[in-house]
């Protein structure tokens, strides 16, 4: 993938972080808030990359994805990515510190950390 090719980033996504909102009674509740809208390149692993983890003693399928965005500081593993109705939990952030061209987000889909 040519990192400078605008067509390489074809998925319109939103980066979100945990914030606080208010419920109907005005009480604070944990909520997700938008940080930025970004264009991304999303790649999933092959069938061999699908993993299973134990969740309350029941195996749950978790799919791993690499989401590449343009270089962006401040992205952490406490955030998530929304693409349409898909929620990707960020597990690792890898940055191109030398050229400052891209940031790779190693994500899981199906982990239900919502």
N, C-alpha and C. Protein backbone atom coordinates (compact mmCIF):
# COMPACT_ATOMS: atom_id res chain seq x y z
N UNK A 1 0.85 -1.18 0.00
CA UNK A 1 0.00 0.00 0.00
C UNK A 1 0.89 1.23 0.00
N UNK A 2 0.60 2.16 -0.88
CA UNK A 2 1.33 3.43 -0.91
C UNK A 2 0.72 4.33 0.16
N UNK A 3 1.51 4.64 1.20
CA UNK A 3 1.01 5.40 2.34
C UNK A 3 0.54 6.81 1.97
N UNK A 4 1.02 7.34 0.85
CA UNK A 4 0.65 8.69 0.47
C UNK A 4 -0.51 8.73 -0.50
N UNK A 5 -0.96 7.59 -0.98
CA UNK A 5 -2.07 7.50 -1.92
C UNK A 5 -3.39 7.72 -1.18
N UNK A 6 -4.12 8.80 -1.51
CA UNK A 6 -5.38 9.06 -0.81
C UNK A 6 -6.39 7.92 -0.95
N UNK A 7 -6.34 7.17 -2.07
CA UNK A 7 -7.26 6.06 -2.27
C UNK A 7 -7.00 4.88 -1.36
N UNK A 8 -5.82 4.85 -0.73
CA UNK A 8 -5.48 3.74 0.16
C UNK A 8 -6.29 3.81 1.45
N UNK A 9 -6.77 4.98 1.79
CA UNK A 9 -7.56 5.19 3.01
C UNK A 9 -9.01 5.42 2.59
N UNK A 10 -9.78 4.34 2.45
CA UNK A 10 -11.11 4.45 1.86
C UNK A 10 -12.26 4.25 2.84
N UNK A 11 -11.96 3.99 4.11
CA UNK A 11 -13.00 3.74 5.10
C UNK A 11 -13.12 4.95 6.05
N UNK A 12 -14.29 5.55 6.08
CA UNK A 12 -14.52 6.71 6.95
C UNK A 12 -14.90 6.21 8.34
N UNK A 13 -14.07 6.52 9.33
CA UNK A 13 -14.22 6.01 10.70
C UNK A 13 -14.27 7.14 11.71
N UNK A 14 -14.66 6.77 12.92
CA UNK A 14 -14.61 7.72 14.04
C UNK A 14 -13.77 7.10 15.15
N UNK A 15 -12.86 7.90 15.70
CA UNK A 15 -12.13 7.51 16.90
C UNK A 15 -12.92 7.99 18.10
N UNK A 16 -13.06 7.14 19.12
CA UNK A 16 -13.80 7.51 20.32
C UNK A 16 -13.01 7.19 21.57
N UNK A 17 -13.29 7.93 22.64
CA UNK A 17 -12.71 7.66 23.95
C UNK A 17 -13.84 7.67 24.96
N UNK A 18 -13.57 7.05 26.12
CA UNK A 18 -14.57 7.06 27.18
C UNK A 18 -14.66 8.46 27.77
N UNK A 19 -15.86 8.88 27.99
CA UNK A 19 -16.12 10.16 28.62
C UNK A 19 -17.24 9.97 29.62
N UNK A 20 -17.83 11.04 30.02
CA UNK A 20 -18.97 10.94 30.92
C UNK A 20 -20.14 11.68 30.32
N UNK A 21 -21.27 11.05 30.44
CA UNK A 21 -22.51 11.66 30.01
C UNK A 21 -23.45 11.69 31.19
N UNK A 22 -24.68 11.99 30.94
CA UNK A 22 -25.70 12.04 31.99
C UNK A 22 -26.89 11.20 31.58
N UNK A 23 -27.46 10.46 32.55
CA UNK A 23 -28.66 9.69 32.26
C UNK A 23 -29.88 10.60 32.37
N UNK A 24 -31.07 10.02 32.20
CA UNK A 24 -32.32 10.80 32.23
C UNK A 24 -32.52 11.52 33.56
N UNK A 25 -31.91 11.01 34.63
CA UNK A 25 -32.04 11.64 35.94
C UNK A 25 -30.91 12.62 36.24
N UNK A 26 -30.04 12.85 35.26
CA UNK A 26 -28.94 13.78 35.45
C UNK A 26 -27.72 13.19 36.15
N UNK A 27 -27.73 11.87 36.38
CA UNK A 27 -26.60 11.21 37.04
C UNK A 27 -25.49 10.92 36.02
N UNK A 28 -24.22 11.06 36.43
CA UNK A 28 -23.13 10.77 35.49
C UNK A 28 -23.08 9.28 35.14
N UNK A 29 -22.85 9.00 33.87
CA UNK A 29 -22.69 7.63 33.39
C UNK A 29 -21.52 7.60 32.40
N UNK A 30 -20.88 6.44 32.30
CA UNK A 30 -19.81 6.27 31.33
C UNK A 30 -20.41 6.29 29.93
N UNK A 31 -19.78 7.01 29.04
CA UNK A 31 -20.26 7.13 27.67
C UNK A 31 -19.06 7.25 26.74
N UNK A 32 -19.25 6.97 25.47
CA UNK A 32 -18.20 7.14 24.48
C UNK A 32 -18.41 8.46 23.78
N UNK A 33 -17.31 9.20 23.57
CA UNK A 33 -17.40 10.49 22.87
C UNK A 33 -16.43 10.50 21.70
N UNK A 34 -16.83 11.17 20.64
CA UNK A 34 -15.99 11.26 19.45
C UNK A 34 -14.76 12.11 19.72
N UNK A 35 -13.62 11.63 19.22
CA UNK A 35 -12.36 12.36 19.28
C UNK A 35 -12.06 12.97 17.92
N UNK A 36 -12.26 12.16 16.86
CA UNK A 36 -11.96 12.63 15.50
C UNK A 36 -12.62 11.72 14.48
N UNK A 37 -12.82 12.27 13.30
CA UNK A 37 -13.22 11.47 12.14
C UNK A 37 -11.97 11.31 11.29
N UNK A 38 -11.70 10.07 10.87
CA UNK A 38 -10.48 9.77 10.12
C UNK A 38 -10.80 8.85 8.95
N UNK A 39 -9.94 8.89 7.94
CA UNK A 39 -10.00 7.93 6.85
C UNK A 39 -9.01 6.83 7.15
N UNK A 40 -9.40 5.60 6.88
CA UNK A 40 -8.58 4.45 7.29
C UNK A 40 -8.54 3.38 6.21
N UNK A 41 -7.55 2.50 6.37
CA UNK A 41 -7.45 1.28 5.60
C UNK A 41 -7.60 0.14 6.60
N UNK A 42 -8.64 -0.69 6.45
CA UNK A 42 -8.93 -1.76 7.40
C UNK A 42 -8.61 -3.10 6.77
N UNK A 43 -7.78 -3.89 7.46
CA UNK A 43 -7.44 -5.23 6.97
C UNK A 43 -7.68 -6.24 8.07
N UNK A 44 -8.38 -7.31 7.71
CA UNK A 44 -8.63 -8.40 8.65
C UNK A 44 -7.65 -9.52 8.43
N UNK A 45 -7.51 -10.37 9.44
CA UNK A 45 -6.67 -11.54 9.31
C UNK A 45 -7.41 -12.63 8.54
N UNK A 46 -6.67 -13.59 8.06
CA UNK A 46 -7.28 -14.72 7.39
C UNK A 46 -7.97 -15.59 8.44
N UNK A 47 -8.60 -16.63 8.02
CA UNK A 47 -9.27 -17.54 8.95
C UNK A 47 -8.36 -18.08 10.04
N UNK A 48 -7.07 -18.23 9.72
CA UNK A 48 -6.12 -18.71 10.71
C UNK A 48 -5.89 -17.67 11.80
N UNK A 49 -6.22 -16.40 11.51
CA UNK A 49 -5.98 -15.35 12.49
C UNK A 49 -7.11 -15.18 13.48
N UNK A 50 -8.24 -15.85 13.25
CA UNK A 50 -9.35 -15.75 14.17
C UNK A 50 -9.00 -16.50 15.45
N UNK A 51 -9.24 -15.89 16.57
CA UNK A 51 -8.89 -16.52 17.84
C UNK A 51 -10.14 -16.73 18.67
N UNK A 52 -10.01 -17.56 19.66
CA UNK A 52 -11.10 -17.79 20.58
C UNK A 52 -10.61 -17.46 21.98
N UNK A 53 -11.41 -16.77 22.76
CA UNK A 53 -11.03 -16.48 24.13
C UNK A 53 -12.17 -16.88 25.05
N UNK A 54 -11.84 -17.08 26.29
CA UNK A 54 -12.85 -17.46 27.25
C UNK A 54 -13.48 -16.20 27.83
N UNK A 55 -14.79 -16.16 27.79
CA UNK A 55 -15.52 -15.02 28.32
C UNK A 55 -16.65 -15.59 29.16
N UNK A 56 -16.51 -15.47 30.46
CA UNK A 56 -17.46 -16.07 31.41
C UNK A 56 -17.60 -17.56 31.13
N UNK A 57 -16.45 -18.21 30.88
CA UNK A 57 -16.36 -19.65 30.63
C UNK A 57 -17.07 -20.11 29.37
N UNK A 58 -17.36 -19.17 28.46
CA UNK A 58 -17.97 -19.52 27.18
C UNK A 58 -17.05 -18.99 26.09
N UNK A 59 -16.59 -19.86 25.18
CA UNK A 59 -15.72 -19.37 24.12
C UNK A 59 -16.43 -18.30 23.27
N UNK A 60 -15.73 -17.22 22.98
CA UNK A 60 -16.29 -16.15 22.15
C UNK A 60 -15.32 -15.89 21.01
N UNK A 61 -15.82 -15.85 19.80
CA UNK A 61 -14.98 -15.59 18.64
C UNK A 61 -14.57 -14.12 18.63
N UNK A 62 -13.28 -13.86 18.46
CA UNK A 62 -12.76 -12.50 18.39
C UNK A 62 -11.95 -12.40 17.10
N UNK A 63 -12.27 -11.41 16.28
CA UNK A 63 -11.55 -11.20 15.03
C UNK A 63 -10.56 -10.06 15.21
N UNK A 64 -9.34 -10.25 14.70
CA UNK A 64 -8.30 -9.22 14.79
C UNK A 64 -8.22 -8.45 13.48
N UNK A 65 -8.01 -7.15 13.60
CA UNK A 65 -7.91 -6.27 12.44
C UNK A 65 -6.77 -5.29 12.62
N UNK A 66 -6.19 -4.88 11.51
CA UNK A 66 -5.22 -3.79 11.50
C UNK A 66 -5.89 -2.62 10.80
N UNK A 67 -5.97 -1.51 11.50
CA UNK A 67 -6.57 -0.30 10.94
C UNK A 67 -5.47 0.75 10.83
N UNK A 68 -5.14 1.13 9.60
CA UNK A 68 -4.10 2.14 9.39
C UNK A 68 -4.76 3.48 9.11
N UNK A 69 -4.32 4.49 9.86
CA UNK A 69 -4.77 5.86 9.64
C UNK A 69 -3.53 6.71 9.40
N UNK A 70 -3.73 7.93 8.97
CA UNK A 70 -2.60 8.83 8.83
C UNK A 70 -2.02 9.09 10.21
N UNK A 71 -0.74 9.46 10.26
CA UNK A 71 -0.05 9.66 11.53
C UNK A 71 -0.87 10.58 12.44
N UNK A 72 -1.10 10.11 13.65
CA UNK A 72 -1.90 10.88 14.61
C UNK A 72 -1.42 10.56 16.01
N UNK A 73 -0.98 11.57 16.72
CA UNK A 73 -0.57 11.40 18.11
C UNK A 73 -1.79 11.42 19.01
N UNK A 74 -1.66 10.82 20.19
CA UNK A 74 -2.74 10.86 21.18
C UNK A 74 -3.70 9.69 21.13
N UNK A 75 -3.53 8.78 20.17
CA UNK A 75 -4.39 7.60 20.09
C UNK A 75 -3.85 6.56 21.07
N UNK A 76 -4.73 5.97 21.88
CA UNK A 76 -4.31 5.00 22.89
C UNK A 76 -5.17 3.74 22.82
N UNK A 77 -4.73 2.72 23.55
CA UNK A 77 -5.48 1.46 23.59
C UNK A 77 -6.74 1.57 24.44
N UNK A 78 -6.97 2.71 25.05
CA UNK A 78 -8.22 2.93 25.80
C UNK A 78 -9.33 3.43 24.88
N UNK A 79 -9.01 3.64 23.61
CA UNK A 79 -9.99 4.16 22.65
C UNK A 79 -10.58 3.03 21.81
N UNK A 80 -11.51 3.42 20.95
CA UNK A 80 -12.09 2.46 20.01
C UNK A 80 -12.33 3.16 18.68
N UNK A 81 -12.57 2.34 17.64
CA UNK A 81 -12.84 2.84 16.30
C UNK A 81 -14.23 2.38 15.89
N UNK A 82 -15.02 3.29 15.35
CA UNK A 82 -16.33 2.95 14.79
C UNK A 82 -16.24 3.05 13.28
N UNK A 83 -16.69 1.99 12.61
CA UNK A 83 -16.81 1.99 11.16
C UNK A 83 -18.21 1.49 10.85
N UNK A 84 -19.07 2.38 10.46
CA UNK A 84 -20.47 2.02 10.28
C UNK A 84 -21.02 1.57 11.62
N UNK A 85 -21.58 0.37 11.67
CA UNK A 85 -22.10 -0.14 12.94
C UNK A 85 -21.13 -1.12 13.61
N UNK A 86 -19.89 -1.20 13.08
CA UNK A 86 -18.87 -2.08 13.65
C UNK A 86 -18.04 -1.32 14.70
N UNK A 87 -17.82 -1.97 15.84
CA UNK A 87 -17.03 -1.38 16.91
C UNK A 87 -15.74 -2.17 17.06
N UNK A 88 -14.62 -1.51 16.85
CA UNK A 88 -13.30 -2.12 16.96
C UNK A 88 -12.63 -1.62 18.24
N UNK A 89 -12.29 -2.52 19.14
CA UNK A 89 -11.57 -2.17 20.36
C UNK A 89 -10.08 -2.11 20.05
N UNK A 90 -9.44 -0.97 20.31
CA UNK A 90 -8.01 -0.83 20.05
C UNK A 90 -7.23 -1.56 21.14
N UNK A 91 -6.34 -2.46 20.74
CA UNK A 91 -5.51 -3.22 21.67
C UNK A 91 -4.08 -2.73 21.70
N UNK A 92 -3.57 -2.27 20.56
CA UNK A 92 -2.20 -1.75 20.47
C UNK A 92 -2.17 -0.62 19.47
N UNK A 93 -1.25 0.31 19.69
CA UNK A 93 -1.05 1.42 18.76
C UNK A 93 0.42 1.40 18.34
N UNK A 94 0.65 1.36 17.03
CA UNK A 94 2.00 1.40 16.48
C UNK A 94 2.12 2.62 15.60
N UNK A 95 3.20 3.39 15.81
CA UNK A 95 3.33 4.65 15.09
C UNK A 95 4.61 4.70 14.27
N UNK A 96 4.53 5.35 13.13
CA UNK A 96 5.67 5.58 12.25
C UNK A 96 6.38 6.84 12.75
N UNK A 97 7.18 6.69 13.79
CA UNK A 97 7.85 7.85 14.39
C UNK A 97 8.88 8.47 13.45
N UNK A 98 9.51 7.64 12.61
CA UNK A 98 10.57 8.15 11.74
C UNK A 98 10.03 9.09 10.66
N UNK A 99 9.04 8.60 9.90
CA UNK A 99 8.52 9.39 8.78
C UNK A 99 7.24 10.16 9.12
N UNK A 100 6.58 9.75 10.21
CA UNK A 100 5.33 10.40 10.64
C UNK A 100 4.26 10.37 9.54
N UNK A 101 4.12 9.16 8.93
CA UNK A 101 3.16 8.99 7.84
C UNK A 101 1.91 8.26 8.31
N UNK A 102 2.07 7.19 9.10
CA UNK A 102 0.93 6.36 9.47
C UNK A 102 0.92 6.03 10.96
N UNK A 103 -0.26 5.63 11.42
CA UNK A 103 -0.46 5.04 12.75
C UNK A 103 -1.27 3.78 12.52
N UNK A 104 -0.78 2.65 13.02
CA UNK A 104 -1.50 1.38 12.92
C UNK A 104 -2.19 1.08 14.23
N UNK A 105 -3.45 0.73 14.14
CA UNK A 105 -4.25 0.36 15.31
C UNK A 105 -4.53 -1.13 15.21
N UNK A 106 -4.02 -1.91 16.15
CA UNK A 106 -4.29 -3.34 16.20
C UNK A 106 -5.56 -3.48 17.03
N UNK A 107 -6.61 -3.99 16.40
CA UNK A 107 -7.94 -3.97 17.01
C UNK A 107 -8.58 -5.36 17.06
N UNK A 108 -9.60 -5.46 17.89
CA UNK A 108 -10.44 -6.65 17.96
C UNK A 108 -11.88 -6.25 17.68
N UNK A 109 -12.55 -7.11 16.96
CA UNK A 109 -13.98 -6.96 16.69
C UNK A 109 -14.66 -8.16 17.34
N UNK A 110 -15.62 -7.93 18.19
CA UNK A 110 -16.31 -9.04 18.84
C UNK A 110 -15.87 -9.27 20.27
N UNK A 111 -15.04 -8.38 20.80
CA UNK A 111 -14.56 -8.54 22.18
C UNK A 111 -15.55 -8.05 23.22
N UNK A 112 -16.53 -7.27 22.81
CA UNK A 112 -17.58 -6.77 23.71
C UNK A 112 -17.06 -6.06 24.94
N UNK A 113 -16.15 -5.11 24.75
CA UNK A 113 -15.68 -4.29 25.85
C UNK A 113 -16.49 -3.03 26.02
N UNK A 114 -17.55 -2.89 25.22
CA UNK A 114 -18.36 -1.71 25.11
C UNK A 114 -18.67 -0.98 26.30
